[in-house]
Every structure is written in C-alpha cells, then in structure tokens.
C-alpha cells in the first residue's frame, strides 16, 4: 500500500499535469481540497487513488515498486516547490 503523508502537495499542484484539469479550480488547487484533506476522499477519482490506479492502469508496464518510487519522487519535487 502506498504510504501517503497527507501533506496536500499533490492536491495543490494539479496544474502540473493535464490529467487533473477537471479537478483544478483554476489556480492549481483541487476543488475538493479542504486544508490538507480531501473532502470526497472515499469517493475520489481513480487518478487520486494511487494503489487502485496502479492495478488498473500501470501494472502491465511497471512494477509496483517502480510506481511507488515514481510517486514518492513526484511528491518530493512538489514539496520542494512549496518551500
């Protein structure tokens, strides 16, 4: 299982990927973000569900370890942008 630190960085930087355009309120922040928490967490889109997204979309092209590593690297970069 992917270990998310619930910092909200990914949800405050949606403008970095066109995949999240429909969730972007116009300033890069997710329309569902409240503080650092998702207001629709139990019903969030597939792209926001790291584990399910891997199983459905990426398991045939990379290992779970690679996928998690890439997600952690992206998280680190987004955190650095906010510093």
C-alpha atoms as a PDB file:
ATOM      1  CA  UNK A   1       0.000   0.000   0.000  1.00  0.00           C
ATOM      2  CA  UNK A   2       1.273   3.471  -0.912  1.00  0.00           C
ATOM      3  CA  UNK A   3       2.177   5.475   2.178  1.00  0.00           C
ATOM      4  CA  UNK A   4       0.805   8.973   1.698  1.00  0.00           C
ATOM      5  CA  UNK A   5       1.901  11.625   4.189  1.00  0.00           C
ATOM      6  CA  UNK A   6      -1.288  13.664   3.680  1.00  0.00           C
ATOM      7  CA  UNK A   7       0.635  16.888   3.086  1.00  0.00           C
ATOM      8  CA  UNK A   8      -1.729  18.014   0.312  1.00  0.00           C
ATOM      9  CA  UNK A   9       1.101  18.985  -2.068  1.00  0.00           C
ATOM     10  CA  UNK A  10      -0.230  16.848  -4.904  1.00  0.00           C
ATOM     11  CA  UNK A  11      -3.670  18.403  -4.489  1.00  0.00           C
ATOM     12  CA  UNK A  12      -2.233  21.942  -4.551  1.00  0.00           C
ATOM     13  CA  UNK A  13      -0.282  21.395  -7.768  1.00  0.00           C
ATOM     14  CA  UNK A  14      -2.801  19.978 -10.223  1.00  0.00           C
ATOM     15  CA  UNK A  15      -1.681  22.480 -12.838  1.00  0.00           C
ATOM     16  CA  UNK A  16       1.491  20.404 -13.312  1.00  0.00           C
ATOM     17  CA  UNK A  17      -0.442  17.710 -15.215  1.00  0.00           C
ATOM     18  CA  UNK A  18      -3.244  17.893 -17.761  1.00  0.00           C
ATOM     19  CA  UNK A  19      -4.631  14.665 -16.293  1.00  0.00           C
ATOM     20  CA  UNK A  20      -6.099  16.662 -13.404  1.00  0.00           C
ATOM     21  CA  UNK A  21      -7.595  19.588 -15.370  1.00  0.00           C
ATOM     22  CA  UNK A  22     -11.169  18.731 -14.405  1.00  0.00           C
ATOM     23  CA  UNK A  23     -10.264  18.877 -10.690  1.00  0.00           C
ATOM     24  CA  UNK A  24      -8.316  22.153 -10.892  1.00  0.00           C
ATOM     25  CA  UNK A  25     -10.257  25.117  -9.520  1.00  0.00           C
ATOM     26  CA  UNK A  26      -8.153  27.400 -11.731  1.00  0.00           C
ATOM     27  CA  UNK A  27      -5.161  28.052  -9.510  1.00  0.00           C
ATOM     28  CA  UNK A  28      -3.700  24.545  -9.414  1.00  0.00           C
ATOM     29  CA  UNK A  29      -5.606  23.572  -6.270  1.00  0.00           C
ATOM     30  CA  UNK A  30      -8.099  20.721  -6.286  1.00  0.00           C
ATOM     31  CA  UNK A  31     -11.725  21.769  -5.989  1.00  0.00           C
ATOM     32  CA  UNK A  32     -12.151  19.141  -3.266  1.00  0.00           C
ATOM     33  CA  UNK A  33      -9.183  20.080  -1.066  1.00  0.00           C
ATOM     34  CA  UNK A  34     -10.064  21.376   2.406  1.00  0.00           C
ATOM     35  CA  UNK A  35      -6.901  22.216   4.378  1.00  0.00           C
ATOM     36  CA  UNK A  36      -4.712  19.228   3.518  1.00  0.00           C
ATOM     37  CA  UNK A  37      -7.633  16.806   3.347  1.00  0.00           C
ATOM     38  CA  UNK A  38      -9.818  15.604   0.515  1.00  0.00           C
ATOM     39  CA  UNK A  39     -13.469  16.391   1.107  1.00  0.00           C
ATOM     40  CA  UNK A  40     -14.503  13.438  -1.096  1.00  0.00           C
ATOM     41  CA  UNK A  41     -11.753  11.029  -0.002  1.00  0.00           C
ATOM     42  CA  UNK A  42     -13.908   7.887  -0.044  1.00  0.00           C
ATOM     43  CA  UNK A  43     -15.261   8.809  -3.495  1.00  0.00           C
ATOM     44  CA  UNK A  44     -12.182  10.448  -5.046  1.00  0.00           C
ATOM     45  CA  UNK A  45     -11.379   9.798  -8.729  1.00  0.00           C
ATOM     46  CA  UNK A  46      -9.274   6.814  -9.790  1.00  0.00           C
ATOM     47  CA  UNK A  47      -6.303   9.064 -10.631  1.00  0.00           C
ATOM     48  CA  UNK A  48      -6.230  10.122  -6.976  1.00  0.00           C
ATOM     49  CA  UNK A  49      -6.177   6.525  -5.734  1.00  0.00           C
ATOM     50  CA  UNK A  50      -2.529   5.510  -6.028  1.00  0.00           C
ATOM     51  CA  UNK A  51      -2.975   1.800  -5.330  1.00  0.00           C
ATOM     52  CA  UNK A  52      -6.070   1.291  -7.492  1.00  0.00           C
ATOM     53  CA  UNK A  53      -4.596   3.407 -10.263  1.00  0.00           C
ATOM     54  CA  UNK A  54      -1.534   1.165 -10.334  1.00  0.00           C
ATOM     55  CA  UNK A  55      -3.614  -2.004 -10.543  1.00  0.00           C
ATOM     56  CA  UNK A  56      -5.905  -0.734 -13.290  1.00  0.00           C
ATOM     57  CA  UNK A  57      -3.567   1.381 -15.399  1.00  0.00           C
ATOM     58  CA  UNK A  58       0.117   0.679 -14.765  1.00  0.00           C
ATOM     59  CA  UNK A  59       0.616  -2.877 -13.503  1.00  0.00           C
ATOM     60  CA  UNK A  60       1.240  -4.120 -17.037  1.00  0.00           C
ATOM     61  CA  UNK A  61       4.023  -1.595 -17.741  1.00  0.00           C
ATOM     62  CA  UNK A  62       5.987  -1.358 -14.458  1.00  0.00           C
ATOM     63  CA  UNK A  63       6.413  -2.988 -11.101  1.00  0.00           C
ATOM     64  CA  UNK A  64       4.564  -1.742  -8.070  1.00  0.00           C
ATOM     65  CA  UNK A  65       7.900  -0.777  -6.526  1.00  0.00           C
ATOM     66  CA  UNK A  66       8.774   1.389  -9.556  1.00  0.00           C
ATOM     67  CA  UNK A  67       5.352   3.011  -9.498  1.00  0.00           C
ATOM     68  CA  UNK A  68       5.570   3.837  -5.790  1.00  0.00           C
ATOM     69  CA  UNK A  69       9.107   5.168  -6.222  1.00  0.00           C
ATOM     70  CA  UNK A  70       7.957   7.450  -9.036  1.00  0.00           C
ATOM     71  CA  UNK A  71       5.056   8.710  -6.923  1.00  0.00           C
ATOM     72  CA  UNK A  72       7.380   9.381  -3.965  1.00  0.00           C
ATOM     73  CA  UNK A  73       9.794  11.259  -6.248  1.00  0.00           C
ATOM     74  CA  UNK A  74       6.971  13.381  -7.631  1.00  0.00           C
ATOM     75  CA  UNK A  75       5.783  14.102  -4.090  1.00  0.00           C
ATOM     76  CA  UNK A  76       9.294  15.175  -3.070  1.00  0.00           C
ATOM     77  CA  UNK A  77       9.558  17.540  -6.055  1.00  0.00           C
ATOM     78  CA  UNK A  78       6.179  19.106  -5.295  1.00  0.00           C
ATOM     79  CA  UNK A  79       7.191  19.646  -1.667  1.00  0.00           C
ATOM     80  CA  UNK A  80      10.395  21.338  -2.802  1.00  0.00           C
ATOM     81  CA  UNK A  81       8.354  23.701  -4.998  1.00  0.00           C
ATOM     82  CA  UNK A  82       6.364  24.797  -1.972  1.00  0.00           C
ATOM     83  CA  UNK A  83       9.404  25.537   0.194  1.00  0.00           C
END
